[in-house]
Amino acid sequence: MRPAMFGYMRLAASDDPDENQAVETELRRYTLREGFELERLFIERLDSSDESAFFALTAALKTTDVKCVIVPSLWHFARLPGLQAAMRDHIERELGARLWIIQSTAAQQRGVTS
């Protein structure tokens, strides 16, 4: 049985569904290649009034044994480097999880709209 990993990505209303699917597929392939199973993908939708996916992710890290999180790039956390660092720090230092950052060309091209 492969260890579980959570994923996180951010979408905007104007994003192309095919591109979003490509990023999700890339996350799933990467986790399998590294010997993990993507148990749950938390998707932040900027056009939604639903609960923040980042808050849901951090809550799940607090209540499960999963201690690895994969993101396409830090741009999926935020555009501002300081906020990226704060979110990364929260996951790694405060929650004790390991953050995996793909940083592939496809992931970087996706960026974040905020």
PDB file of N, CA and C in Angstrom:
ATOM      1  N   MET A   1       0.843  -1.187   0.000  1.00  0.00           N
ATOM      2  CA  MET A   1       0.000   0.000   0.000  1.00  0.00           C
ATOM      3  C   MET A   1       0.886   1.249   0.000  1.00  0.00           C
ATOM      4  N   ARG A   2       0.585   2.165  -0.885  1.00  0.00           N
ATOM      5  CA  ARG A   2       1.348   3.408  -1.002  1.00  0.00           C
ATOM      6  C   ARG A   2       0.934   4.390   0.099  1.00  0.00           C
ATOM      7  N   PRO A   3       1.889   5.177   0.615  1.00  0.00           N
ATOM      8  CA  PRO A   3       1.508   6.210   1.581  1.00  0.00           C
ATOM      9  C   PRO A   3       0.668   7.293   0.899  1.00  0.00           C
ATOM     10  N   ALA A   4      -0.211   7.885   1.656  1.00  0.00           N
ATOM     11  CA  ALA A   4      -1.123   8.900   1.123  1.00  0.00           C
ATOM     12  C   ALA A   4      -0.472  10.275   1.097  1.00  0.00           C
ATOM     13  N   MET A   5      -0.942  11.066   0.150  1.00  0.00           N
ATOM     14  CA  MET A   5      -0.486  12.444  -0.007  1.00  0.00           C
ATOM     15  C   MET A   5      -1.707  13.280  -0.360  1.00  0.00           C
ATOM     16  N   PHE A   6      -1.737  14.511   0.134  1.00  0.00           N
ATOM     17  CA  PHE A   6      -2.766  15.460  -0.263  1.00  0.00           C
ATOM     18  C   PHE A   6      -2.199  16.363  -1.346  1.00  0.00           C
ATOM     19  N   GLY A   7      -3.081  16.903  -2.173  1.00  0.00           N
ATOM     20  CA  GLY A   7      -2.679  17.867  -3.187  1.00  0.00           C
ATOM     21  C   GLY A   7      -3.461  19.149  -3.008  1.00  0.00           C
ATOM     22  N   TYR A   8      -2.898  20.241  -3.527  1.00  0.00           N
ATOM     23  CA  TYR A   8      -3.559  21.544  -3.450  1.00  0.00           C
ATOM     24  C   TYR A   8      -3.287  22.294  -4.743  1.00  0.00           C
ATOM     25  N   MET A   9      -4.329  22.883  -5.317  1.00  0.00           N
ATOM     26  CA  MET A   9      -4.172  23.753  -6.474  1.00  0.00           C
ATOM     27  C   MET A   9      -5.242  24.826  -6.445  1.00  0.00           C
ATOM     28  N   ARG A  10      -4.947  25.937  -7.088  1.00  0.00           N
ATOM     29  CA  ARG A  10      -5.868  27.071  -7.100  1.00  0.00           C
ATOM     30  C   ARG A  10      -6.352  27.321  -8.523  1.00  0.00           C
ATOM     31  N   LEU A  11      -7.648  27.519  -8.684  1.00  0.00           N
ATOM     32  CA  LEU A  11      -8.261  27.810  -9.973  1.00  0.00           C
ATOM     33  C   LEU A  11      -8.977  29.148  -9.902  1.00  0.00           C
ATOM     34  N   ALA A  12      -9.203  29.724 -11.048  1.00  0.00           N
ATOM     35  CA  ALA A  12     -10.017  30.935 -11.147  1.00  0.00           C
ATOM     36  C   ALA A  12     -11.147  30.663 -12.124  1.00  0.00           C
ATOM     37  N   ALA A  13     -12.169  31.478 -12.088  1.00  0.00           N
ATOM     38  CA  ALA A  13     -13.347  31.276 -12.937  1.00  0.00           C
ATOM     39  C   ALA A  13     -12.985  31.271 -14.417  1.00  0.00           C
ATOM     40  N   SER A  14     -12.002  32.052 -14.797  1.00  0.00           N
ATOM     41  CA  SER A  14     -11.657  32.169 -16.212  1.00  0.00           C
ATOM     42  C   SER A  14     -10.694  31.087 -16.693  1.00  0.00           C
ATOM     43  N   ASP A  15     -10.257  30.216 -15.812  1.00  0.00           N
ATOM     44  CA  ASP A  15      -9.290  29.190 -16.192  1.00  0.00           C
ATOM     45  C   ASP A  15      -9.881  28.213 -17.200  1.00  0.00           C
ATOM     46  N   ASP A  16      -9.051  27.755 -18.093  1.00  0.00           N
ATOM     47  CA  ASP A  16      -9.417  26.766 -19.104  1.00  0.00           C
ATOM     48  C   ASP A  16      -9.530  25.397 -18.441  1.00  0.00           C
ATOM     49  N   PRO A  17     -10.693  24.733 -18.523  1.00  0.00           N
ATOM     50  CA  PRO A  17     -10.872  23.419 -17.887  1.00  0.00           C
ATOM     51  C   PRO A  17      -9.854  22.379 -18.358  1.00  0.00           C
ATOM     52  N   ASP A  18      -9.453  22.432 -19.619  1.00  0.00           N
ATOM     53  CA  ASP A  18      -8.465  21.477 -20.123  1.00  0.00           C
ATOM     54  C   ASP A  18      -7.107  21.682 -19.454  1.00  0.00           C
ATOM     55  N   GLU A  19      -6.731  22.942 -19.263  1.00  0.00           N
ATOM     56  CA  GLU A  19      -5.463  23.229 -18.591  1.00  0.00           C
ATOM     57  C   GLU A  19      -5.524  22.808 -17.125  1.00  0.00           C
ATOM     58  N   ASN A  20      -6.659  23.086 -16.473  1.00  0.00           N
ATOM     59  CA  ASN A  20      -6.818  22.674 -15.080  1.00  0.00           C
ATOM     60  C   ASN A  20      -6.718  21.158 -14.953  1.00  0.00           C
ATOM     61  N   GLN A  21      -7.341  20.436 -15.876  1.00  0.00           N
ATOM     62  CA  GLN A  21      -7.289  18.974 -15.864  1.00  0.00           C
ATOM     63  C   GLN A  21      -5.862  18.497 -16.084  1.00  0.00           C
ATOM     64  N   ALA A  22      -5.121  19.180 -16.935  1.00  0.00           N
ATOM     65  CA  ALA A  22      -3.732  18.806 -17.196  1.00  0.00           C
ATOM     66  C   ALA A  22      -2.884  18.947 -15.931  1.00  0.00           C
ATOM     67  N   VAL A  23      -3.104  19.998 -15.161  1.00  0.00           N
ATOM     68  CA  VAL A  23      -2.359  20.192 -13.912  1.00  0.00           C
ATOM     69  C   VAL A  23      -2.734  19.099 -12.918  1.00  0.00           C
ATOM     70  N   GLU A  24      -4.023  18.811 -12.803  1.00  0.00           N
ATOM     71  CA  GLU A  24      -4.468  17.746 -11.896  1.00  0.00           C
ATOM     72  C   GLU A  24      -3.860  16.399 -12.299  1.00  0.00           C
ATOM     73  N   THR A  25      -3.862  16.102 -13.586  1.00  0.00           N
ATOM     74  CA  THR A  25      -3.274  14.852 -14.079  1.00  0.00           C
ATOM     75  C   THR A  25      -1.794  14.802 -13.766  1.00  0.00           C
ATOM     76  N   GLU A  26      -1.109  15.932 -13.925  1.00  0.00           N
ATOM     77  CA  GLU A  26       0.319  15.996 -13.616  1.00  0.00           C
ATOM     78  C   GLU A  26       0.574  15.716 -12.134  1.00  0.00           C
ATOM     79  N   LEU A  27      -0.256  16.268 -11.265  1.00  0.00           N
ATOM     80  CA  LEU A  27      -0.113  16.008  -9.827  1.00  0.00           C
ATOM     81  C   LEU A  27      -0.279  14.516  -9.534  1.00  0.00           C
ATOM     82  N   ARG A  28      -1.303  13.917 -10.108  1.00  0.00           N
ATOM     83  CA  ARG A  28      -1.560  12.489  -9.877  1.00  0.00           C
ATOM     84  C   ARG A  28      -0.407  11.623 -10.386  1.00  0.00           C
ATOM     85  N   ARG A  29       0.094  11.910 -11.572  1.00  0.00           N
ATOM     86  CA  ARG A  29       1.218  11.138 -12.115  1.00  0.00           C
ATOM     87  C   ARG A  29       2.471  11.289 -11.258  1.00  0.00           C
ATOM     88  N   TYR A  30       2.730  12.497 -10.815  1.00  0.00           N
ATOM     89  CA  TYR A  30       3.918  12.750 -10.005  1.00  0.00           C
ATOM     90  C   TYR A  30       3.859  11.967  -8.693  1.00  0.00           C
ATOM     91  N   THR A  31       2.694  11.984  -8.045  1.00  0.00           N
ATOM     92  CA  THR A  31       2.580  11.264  -6.770  1.00  0.00           C
ATOM     93  C   THR A  31       2.811   9.768  -6.974  1.00  0.00           C
ATOM     94  N   LEU A  32       2.246   9.208  -8.024  1.00  0.00           N
ATOM     95  CA  LEU A  32       2.446   7.779  -8.298  1.00  0.00           C
ATOM     96  C   LEU A  32       3.909   7.474  -8.599  1.00  0.00           C
ATOM     97  N   ARG A  33       4.541   8.331  -9.389  1.00  0.00           N
ATOM     98  CA  ARG A  33       5.950   8.144  -9.738  1.00  0.00           C
ATOM     99  C   ARG A  33       6.849   8.187  -8.495  1.00  0.00           C
ATOM    100  N   GLU A  34       6.453   8.981  -7.504  1.00  0.00           N
ATOM    101  CA  GLU A  34       7.237   9.107  -6.275  1.00  0.00           C
ATOM    102  C   GLU A  34       6.841   8.078  -5.213  1.00  0.00           C
ATOM    103  N   GLY A  35       5.898   7.197  -5.556  1.00  0.00           N
ATOM    104  CA  GLY A  35       5.520   6.126  -4.642  1.00  0.00           C
ATOM    105  C   GLY A  35       4.397   6.447  -3.686  1.00  0.00           C
ATOM    106  N   PHE A  36       3.620   7.484  -3.988  1.00  0.00           N
ATOM    107  CA  PHE A  36       2.503   7.899  -3.141  1.00  0.00           C
ATOM    108  C   PHE A  36       1.181   7.677  -3.862  1.00  0.00           C
ATOM    109  N   GLU A  37       0.118   7.827  -3.124  1.00  0.00           N
ATOM    110  CA  GLU A  37      -1.236   7.828  -3.673  1.00  0.00           C
ATOM    111  C   GLU A  37      -1.847   9.184  -3.335  1.00  0.00           C
ATOM    112  N   LEU A  38      -2.369   9.884  -4.336  1.00  0.00           N
ATOM    113  CA  LEU A  38      -3.017  11.172  -4.081  1.00  0.00           C
ATOM    114  C   LEU A  38      -4.384  10.885  -3.481  1.00  0.00           C
ATOM    115  N   GLU A  39      -4.462  10.994  -2.160  1.00  0.00           N
ATOM    116  CA  GLU A  39      -5.701  10.643  -1.463  1.00  0.00           C
ATOM    117  C   GLU A  39      -6.803  11.660  -1.698  1.00  0.00           C
ATOM    118  N   ARG A  40      -6.421  12.928  -1.691  1.00  0.00           N
ATOM    119  CA  ARG A  40      -7.425  13.982  -1.873  1.00  0.00           C
ATOM    120  C   ARG A  40      -6.751  15.207  -2.475  1.00  0.00           C
ATOM    121  N   LEU A  41      -7.432  15.831  -3.411  1.00  0.00           N
ATOM    122  CA  LEU A  41      -6.945  17.053  -4.024  1.00  0.00           C
ATOM    123  C   LEU A  41      -7.841  18.199  -3.578  1.00  0.00           C
ATOM    124  N   PHE A  42      -7.261  19.149  -2.893  1.00  0.00           N
ATOM    125  CA  PHE A  42      -7.985  20.326  -2.424  1.00  0.00           C
ATOM    126  C   PHE A  42      -7.852  21.395  -3.499  1.00  0.00           C
ATOM    127  N   ILE A  43      -8.986  21.841  -4.028  1.00  0.00           N
ATOM    128  CA  ILE A  43      -8.974  22.800  -5.131  1.00  0.00           C
ATOM    129  C   ILE A  43      -9.597  24.111  -4.672  1.00  0.00           C
ATOM    130  N   GLU A  44      -8.784  25.149  -4.674  1.00  0.00           N
ATOM    131  CA  GLU A  44      -9.237  26.497  -4.314  1.00  0.00           C
ATOM    132  C   GLU A  44      -9.867  27.120  -5.541  1.00  0.00           C
ATOM    133  N   ARG A  45     -11.117  27.481  -5.425  1.00  0.00           N
ATOM    134  CA  ARG A  45     -11.830  28.115  -6.540  1.00  0.00           C
ATOM    135  C   ARG A  45     -12.119  29.560  -6.147  1.00  0.00           C
ATOM    136  N   LEU A  46     -11.481  30.474  -6.847  1.00  0.00           N
ATOM    137  CA  LEU A  46     -11.594  31.883  -6.486  1.00  0.00           C
ATOM    138  C   LEU A  46     -12.980  32.455  -6.716  1.00  0.00           C
ATOM    139  N   ASP A  47     -13.775  31.809  -7.551  1.00  0.00           N
ATOM    140  CA  ASP A  47     -15.117  32.291  -7.842  1.00  0.00           C
ATOM    141  C   ASP A  47     -16.174  31.645  -6.950  1.00  0.00           C
ATOM    142  N   SER A  48     -15.740  30.943  -5.924  1.00  0.00           N
ATOM    143  CA  SER A  48     -16.666  30.175  -5.094  1.00  0.00           C
ATOM    144  C   SER A  48     -16.821  30.799  -3.713  1.00  0.00           C
ATOM    145  N   SER A  49     -17.983  30.616  -3.149  1.00  0.00           N
ATOM    146  CA  SER A  49     -18.215  31.076  -1.781  1.00  0.00           C
ATOM    147  C   SER A  49     -18.043  29.919  -0.790  1.00  0.00           C
ATOM    148  N   ASP A  50     -17.585  28.775  -1.298  1.00  0.00           N
ATOM    149  CA  ASP A  50     -17.356  27.620  -0.430  1.00  0.00           C
ATOM    150  C   ASP A  50     -16.208  27.891   0.533  1.00  0.00           C
ATOM    151  N   GLU A  51     -16.087  27.023   1.510  1.00  0.00           N
ATOM    152  CA  GLU A  51     -14.987  27.105   2.465  1.00  0.00           C
ATOM    153  C   GLU A  51     -13.652  27.085   1.728  1.00  0.00           C
ATOM    154  N   SER A  52     -12.687  27.801   2.248  1.00  0.00           N
ATOM    155  CA  SER A  52     -11.359  27.837   1.660  1.00  0.00           C
ATOM    156  C   SER A  52     -10.761  26.434   1.611  1.00  0.00           C
ATOM    157  N   ALA A  53     -10.267  26.059   0.450  1.00  0.00           N
ATOM    158  CA  ALA A  53      -9.624  24.751   0.304  1.00  0.00           C
ATOM    159  C   ALA A  53      -8.343  24.687   1.127  1.00  0.00           C
ATOM    160  N   PHE A  54      -7.657  25.821   1.279  1.00  0.00           N
ATOM    161  CA  PHE A  54      -6.439  25.821   2.091  1.00  0.00           C
ATOM    162  C   PHE A  54      -6.780  25.526   3.546  1.00  0.00           C
ATOM    163  N   PHE A  55      -7.845  26.118   4.057  1.00  0.00           N
ATOM    164  CA  PHE A  55      -8.262  25.830   5.432  1.00  0.00           C
ATOM    165  C   PHE A  55      -8.697  24.379   5.581  1.00  0.00           C
ATOM    166  N   ALA A  56      -9.392  23.854   4.572  1.00  0.00           N
ATOM    167  CA  ALA A  56      -9.796  22.443   4.601  1.00  0.00           C
ATOM    168  C   ALA A  56      -8.571  21.533   4.577  1.00  0.00           C
ATOM    169  N   LEU A  57      -7.570  21.901   3.778  1.00  0.00           N
ATOM    170  CA  LEU A  57      -6.322  21.138   3.728  1.00  0.00           C
ATOM    171  C   LEU A  57      -5.635  21.124   5.092  1.00  0.00           C
ATOM    172  N   THR A  58      -5.507  22.289   5.707  1.00  0.00           N
ATOM    173  CA  THR A  58      -4.824  22.339   7.003  1.00  0.00           C
ATOM    174  C   THR A  58      -5.611  21.577   8.071  1.00  0.00           C
ATOM    175  N   ALA A  59      -6.923  21.638   8.003  1.00  0.00           N
ATOM    176  CA  ALA A  59      -7.740  20.871   8.955  1.00  0.00           C
ATOM    177  C   ALA A  59      -7.514  19.373   8.756  1.00  0.00           C
ATOM    178  N   ALA A  60      -7.453  18.942   7.497  1.00  0.00           N
ATOM    179  CA  ALA A  60      -7.224  17.521   7.207  1.00  0.00           C
ATOM    180  C   ALA A  60      -5.840  17.083   7.689  1.00  0.00           C
ATOM    181  N   LEU A  61      -4.838  17.940   7.534  1.00  0.00           N
ATOM    182  CA  LEU A  61      -3.494  17.601   8.019  1.00  0.00           C
ATOM    183  C   LEU A  61      -3.473  17.441   9.538  1.00  0.00           C
ATOM    184  N   LYS A  62      -4.326  18.186  10.219  1.00  0.00           N
ATOM    185  CA  LYS A  62      -4.393  18.111  11.684  1.00  0.00           C
ATOM    186  C   LYS A  62      -5.122  16.862  12.167  1.00  0.00           C
ATOM    187  N   THR A  63      -6.014  16.314  11.340  1.00  0.00           N
ATOM    188  CA  THR A  63      -6.876  15.230  11.806  1.00  0.00           C
ATOM    189  C   THR A  63      -6.613  13.875  11.136  1.00  0.00           C
ATOM    190  N   THR A  64      -5.602  13.804  10.286  1.00  0.00           N
ATOM    191  CA  THR A  64      -5.273  12.539   9.621  1.00  0.00           C
ATOM    192  C   THR A  64      -3.798  12.234   9.818  1.00  0.00           C
ATOM    193  N   ASP A  65      -3.387  11.069   9.346  1.00  0.00           N
ATOM    194  CA  ASP A  65      -1.971  10.691   9.405  1.00  0.00           C
ATOM    195  C   ASP A  65      -1.200  11.139   8.164  1.00  0.00           C
ATOM    196  N   VAL A  66      -1.871  11.770   7.215  1.00  0.00           N
ATOM    197  CA  VAL A  66      -1.206  12.242   5.998  1.00  0.00           C
ATOM    198  C   VAL A  66      -0.294  13.408   6.351  1.00  0.00           C
ATOM    199  N   LYS A  67       0.965  13.306   5.940  1.00  0.00           N
ATOM    200  CA  LYS A  67       1.935  14.349   6.262  1.00  0.00           C
ATOM    201  C   LYS A  67       2.733  14.803   5.048  1.00  0.00           C
ATOM    202  N   CYS A  68       2.151  14.647   3.852  1.00  0.00           N
ATOM    203  CA  CYS A  68       2.779  15.129   2.625  1.00  0.00           C
ATOM    204  C   CYS A  68       1.742  15.865   1.794  1.00  0.00           C
ATOM    205  N   VAL A  69       2.148  17.013   1.240  1.00  0.00           N
ATOM    206  CA  VAL A  69       1.271  17.829   0.403  1.00  0.00           C
ATOM    207  C   VAL A  69       2.029  18.171  -0.872  1.00  0.00           C
ATOM    208  N   ILE A  70       1.366  18.022  -2.007  1.00  0.00           N
ATOM    209  CA  ILE A  70       1.966  18.359  -3.289  1.00  0.00           C
ATOM    210  C   ILE A  70       1.220  19.530  -3.912  1.00  0.00           C
ATOM    211  N   VAL A  71       1.986  20.476  -4.476  1.00  0.00           N
ATOM    212  CA  VAL A  71       1.420  21.621  -5.195  1.00  0.00           C
ATOM    213  C   VAL A  71       2.150  21.766  -6.525  1.00  0.00           C
ATOM    214  N   PRO A  72       1.461  22.291  -7.539  1.00  0.00           N
ATOM    215  CA  PRO A  72       2.126  22.485  -8.826  1.00  0.00           C
ATOM    216  C   PRO A  72       3.275  23.493  -8.729  1.00  0.00           C
ATOM    217  N   SER A  73       3.062  24.572  -7.995  1.00  0.00           N
ATOM    218  CA  SER A  73       4.071  25.595  -7.765  1.00  0.00           C
ATOM    219  C   SER A  73       3.599  26.452  -6.593  1.00  0.00           C
ATOM    220  N   LEU A  74       4.480  27.254  -6.056  1.00  0.00           N
ATOM    221  CA  LEU A  74       4.082  28.133  -4.949  1.00  0.00           C
ATOM    222  C   LEU A  74       3.097  29.205  -5.405  1.00  0.00           C
ATOM    223  N   TRP A  75       3.016  29.456  -6.713  1.00  0.00           N
ATOM    224  CA  TRP A  75       2.037  30.407  -7.237  1.00  0.00           C
ATOM    225  C   TRP A  75       0.612  29.952  -6.926  1.00  0.00           C
ATOM    226  N   HIS A  76       0.427  28.662  -6.685  1.00  0.00           N
ATOM    227  CA  HIS A  76      -0.914  28.172  -6.358  1.00  0.00           C
ATOM    228  C   HIS A  76      -1.310  28.545  -4.933  1.00  0.00           C
ATOM    229  N   PHE A  77      -0.345  28.895  -4.104  1.00  0.00           N
ATOM    230  CA  PHE A  77      -0.662  29.411  -2.773  1.00  0.00           C
ATOM    231  C   PHE A  77      -1.042  30.884  -2.866  1.00  0.00           C
ATOM    232  N   ALA A  78      -0.203  31.659  -3.539  1.00  0.00           N
ATOM    233  CA  ALA A  78      -0.422  33.106  -3.631  1.00  0.00           C
ATOM    234  C   ALA A  78       0.570  33.697  -4.619  1.00  0.00           C
ATOM    235  N   ARG A  79       0.292  34.921  -5.067  1.00  0.00           N
ATOM    236  CA  ARG A  79       1.233  35.619  -5.951  1.00  0.00           C
ATOM    237  C   ARG A  79       2.360  36.279  -5.164  1.00  0.00           C
ATOM    238  N   LEU A  80       2.064  36.759  -3.994  1.00  0.00           N
ATOM    239  CA  LEU A  80       3.061  37.468  -3.193  1.00  0.00           C
ATOM    240  C   LEU A  80       4.023  36.488  -2.525  1.00  0.00           C
ATOM    241  N   PRO A  81       5.330  36.672  -2.729  1.00  0.00           N
ATOM    242  CA  PRO A  81       6.317  35.754  -2.137  1.00  0.00           C
ATOM    243  C   PRO A  81       6.210  35.643  -0.614  1.00  0.00           C
ATOM    244  N   GLY A  82       5.887  36.732   0.050  1.00  0.00           N
ATOM    245  CA  GLY A  82       5.751  36.685   1.504  1.00  0.00           C
ATOM    246  C   GLY A  82       4.603  35.800   1.954  1.00  0.00           C
ATOM    247  N   LEU A  83       3.498  35.873   1.245  1.00  0.00           N
ATOM    248  CA  LEU A  83       2.349  35.027   1.567  1.00  0.00           C
ATOM    249  C   LEU A  83       2.638  33.572   1.205  1.00  0.00           C
ATOM    250  N   GLN A  84       3.324  33.349   0.092  1.00  0.00           N
ATOM    251  CA  GLN A  84       3.750  31.990  -0.267  1.00  0.00           C
ATOM    252  C   GLN A  84       4.578  31.392   0.860  1.00  0.00           C
ATOM    253  N   ALA A  85       5.529  32.171   1.355  1.00  0.00           N
ATOM    254  CA  ALA A  85       6.412  31.693   2.429  1.00  0.00           C
ATOM    255  C   ALA A  85       5.629  31.409   3.703  1.00  0.00           C
ATOM    256  N   ALA A  86       4.664  32.259   4.014  1.00  0.00           N
ATOM    257  CA  ALA A  86       3.860  32.052   5.225  1.00  0.00           C
ATOM    258  C   ALA A  86       3.027  30.784   5.127  1.00  0.00           C
ATOM    259  N   MET A  87       2.437  30.539   3.959  1.00  0.00           N
ATOM    260  CA  MET A  87       1.613  29.342   3.780  1.00  0.00           C
ATOM    261  C   MET A  87       2.489  28.086   3.816  1.00  0.00           C
ATOM    262  N   ARG A  88       3.650  28.172   3.180  1.00  0.00           N
ATOM    263  CA  ARG A  88       4.584  27.041   3.205  1.00  0.00           C
ATOM    264  C   ARG A  88       5.046  26.764   4.630  1.00  0.00           C
ATOM    265  N   ASP A  89       5.396  27.821   5.342  1.00  0.00           N
ATOM    266  CA  ASP A  89       5.839  27.692   6.730  1.00  0.00           C
ATOM    267  C   ASP A  89       4.754  27.066   7.597  1.00  0.00           C
ATOM    268  N   HIS A  90       3.525  27.460   7.386  1.00  0.00           N
ATOM    269  CA  HIS A  90       2.410  26.913   8.171  1.00  0.00           C
ATOM    270  C   HIS A  90       2.297  25.399   7.960  1.00  0.00           C
ATOM    271  N   ILE A  91       2.408  24.971   6.716  1.00  0.00           N
ATOM    272  CA  ILE A  91       2.305  23.540   6.420  1.00  0.00           C
ATOM    273  C   ILE A  91       3.495  22.770   6.971  1.00  0.00           C
ATOM    274  N   GLU A  92       4.695  23.290   6.749  1.00  0.00           N
ATOM    275  CA  GLU A  92       5.893  22.539   7.127  1.00  0.00           C
ATOM    276  C   GLU A  92       6.233  22.642   8.615  1.00  0.00           C
ATOM    277  N   ARG A  93       6.247  23.832   9.133  1.00  0.00           N
ATOM    278  CA  ARG A  93       6.708  23.998  10.519  1.00  0.00           C
ATOM    279  C   ARG A  93       5.593  23.817  11.547  1.00  0.00           C
ATOM    280  N   GLU A  94       4.458  24.428  11.276  1.00  0.00           N
ATOM    281  CA  GLU A  94       3.378  24.377  12.261  1.00  0.00           C
ATOM    282  C   GLU A  94       2.596  23.074  12.220  1.00  0.00           C
ATOM    283  N   LEU A  95       2.442  22.505  11.021  1.00  0.00           N
ATOM    284  CA  LEU A  95       1.669  21.266  10.903  1.00  0.00           C
ATOM    285  C   LEU A  95       2.547  20.033  10.748  1.00  0.00           C
ATOM    286  N   GLY A  96       3.844  20.224  10.539  1.00  0.00           N
ATOM    287  CA  GLY A  96       4.778  19.104  10.452  1.00  0.00           C
ATOM    288  C   GLY A  96       4.667  18.263   9.203  1.00  0.00           C
ATOM    289  N   ALA A  97       4.142  18.832   8.128  1.00  0.00           N
ATOM    290  CA  ALA A  97       3.999  18.099   6.868  1.00  0.00           C
ATOM    291  C   ALA A  97       5.137  18.466   5.923  1.00  0.00           C
ATOM    292  N   ARG A  98       5.403  17.587   4.990  1.00  0.00           N
ATOM    293  CA  ARG A  98       6.407  17.845   3.962  1.00  0.00           C
ATOM    294  C   ARG A  98       5.697  18.393   2.734  1.00  0.00           C
ATOM    295  N   LEU A  99       6.210  19.486   2.182  1.00  0.00           N
ATOM    296  CA  LEU A  99       5.622  20.090   1.005  1.00  0.00           C
ATOM    297  C   LEU A  99       6.442  19.702  -0.226  1.00  0.00           C
ATOM    298  N   TRP A 100       5.769  19.149  -1.221  1.00  0.00           N
ATOM    299  CA  TRP A 100       6.382  18.773  -2.497  1.00  0.00           C
ATOM    300  C   TRP A 100       5.940  19.808  -3.521  1.00  0.00           C
ATOM    301  N   ILE A 101       6.877  20.419  -4.214  1.00  0.00           N
ATOM    302  CA  ILE A 101       6.579  21.446  -5.202  1.00  0.00           C
ATOM    303  C   ILE A 101       7.080  20.966  -6.553  1.00  0.00           C
ATOM    304  N   ILE A 102       6.158  20.792  -7.496  1.00  0.00           N
ATOM    305  CA  ILE A 102       6.540  20.261  -8.802  1.00  0.00           C
ATOM    306  C   ILE A 102       7.358  21.278  -9.595  1.00  0.00           C
ATOM    307  N   GLN A 103       6.874  22.510  -9.727  1.00  0.00           N
ATOM    308  CA  GLN A 103       7.553  23.573 -10.468  1.00  0.00           C
ATOM    309  C   GLN A 103       7.828  23.220 -11.920  1.00  0.00           C
ATOM    310  N   SER A 104       7.012  22.409 -12.529  1.00  0.00           N
ATOM    311  CA  SER A 104       7.212  22.060 -13.938  1.00  0.00           C
ATOM    312  C   SER A 104       6.807  23.229 -14.826  1.00  0.00           C
ATOM    313  N   THR A 105       7.168  23.140 -16.077  1.00  0.00           N
ATOM    314  CA  THR A 105       6.808  24.185 -17.021  1.00  0.00           C
ATOM    315  C   THR A 105       5.304  24.343 -17.101  1.00  0.00           C
ATOM    316  N   ALA A 106       4.574  23.247 -17.179  1.00  0.00           N
ATOM    317  CA  ALA A 106       3.108  23.323 -17.265  1.00  0.00           C
ATOM    318  C   ALA A 106       2.526  23.959 -16.011  1.00  0.00           C
ATOM    319  N   ALA A 107       3.053  23.576 -14.850  1.00  0.00           N
ATOM    320  CA  ALA A 107       2.535  24.133 -13.599  1.00  0.00           C
ATOM    321  C   ALA A 107       2.848  25.616 -13.500  1.00  0.00           C
ATOM    322  N   GLN A 108       4.046  26.020 -13.918  1.00  0.00           N
ATOM    323  CA  GLN A 108       4.409  27.428 -13.833  1.00  0.00           C
ATOM    324  C   GLN A 108       3.586  28.270 -14.791  1.00  0.00           C
ATOM    325  N   GLN A 109       3.266  27.731 -15.936  1.00  0.00           N
ATOM    326  CA  GLN A 109       2.474  28.473 -16.908  1.00  0.00           C
ATOM    327  C   GLN A 109       1.070  28.708 -16.383  1.00  0.00           C
ATOM    328  N   ARG A 110       0.588  27.832 -15.528  1.00  0.00           N
ATOM    329  CA  ARG A 110      -0.762  27.974 -14.996  1.00  0.00           C
ATOM    330  C   ARG A 110      -0.862  29.220 -14.139  1.00  0.00           C
ATOM    331  N   GLY A 111       0.136  29.441 -13.279  1.00  0.00           N
ATOM    332  CA  GLY A 111       0.102  30.609 -12.416  1.00  0.00           C
ATOM    333  C   GLY A 111      -1.146  30.663 -11.567  1.00  0.00           C
ATOM    334  N   VAL A 112      -1.390  31.806 -10.978  1.00  0.00           N
ATOM    335  CA  VAL A 112      -2.573  32.023 -10.157  1.00  0.00           C
ATOM    336  C   VAL A 112      -3.139  33.386 -10.513  1.00  0.00           C
ATOM    337  N   THR A 113      -4.429  33.494 -10.573  1.00  0.00           N
ATOM    338  CA  THR A 113      -5.049  34.795 -10.746  1.00  0.00           C
ATOM    339  C   THR A 113      -5.706  35.158  -9.436  1.00  0.00           C
ATOM    340  N   SER A 114      -5.332  36.284  -8.930  1.00  0.00           N
ATOM    341  CA  SER A 114      -5.920  36.702  -7.657  1.00  0.00           C
ATOM    342  C   SER A 114      -6.325  38.144  -7.702  1.00  0.00           C
TER     343      SER A 114
END
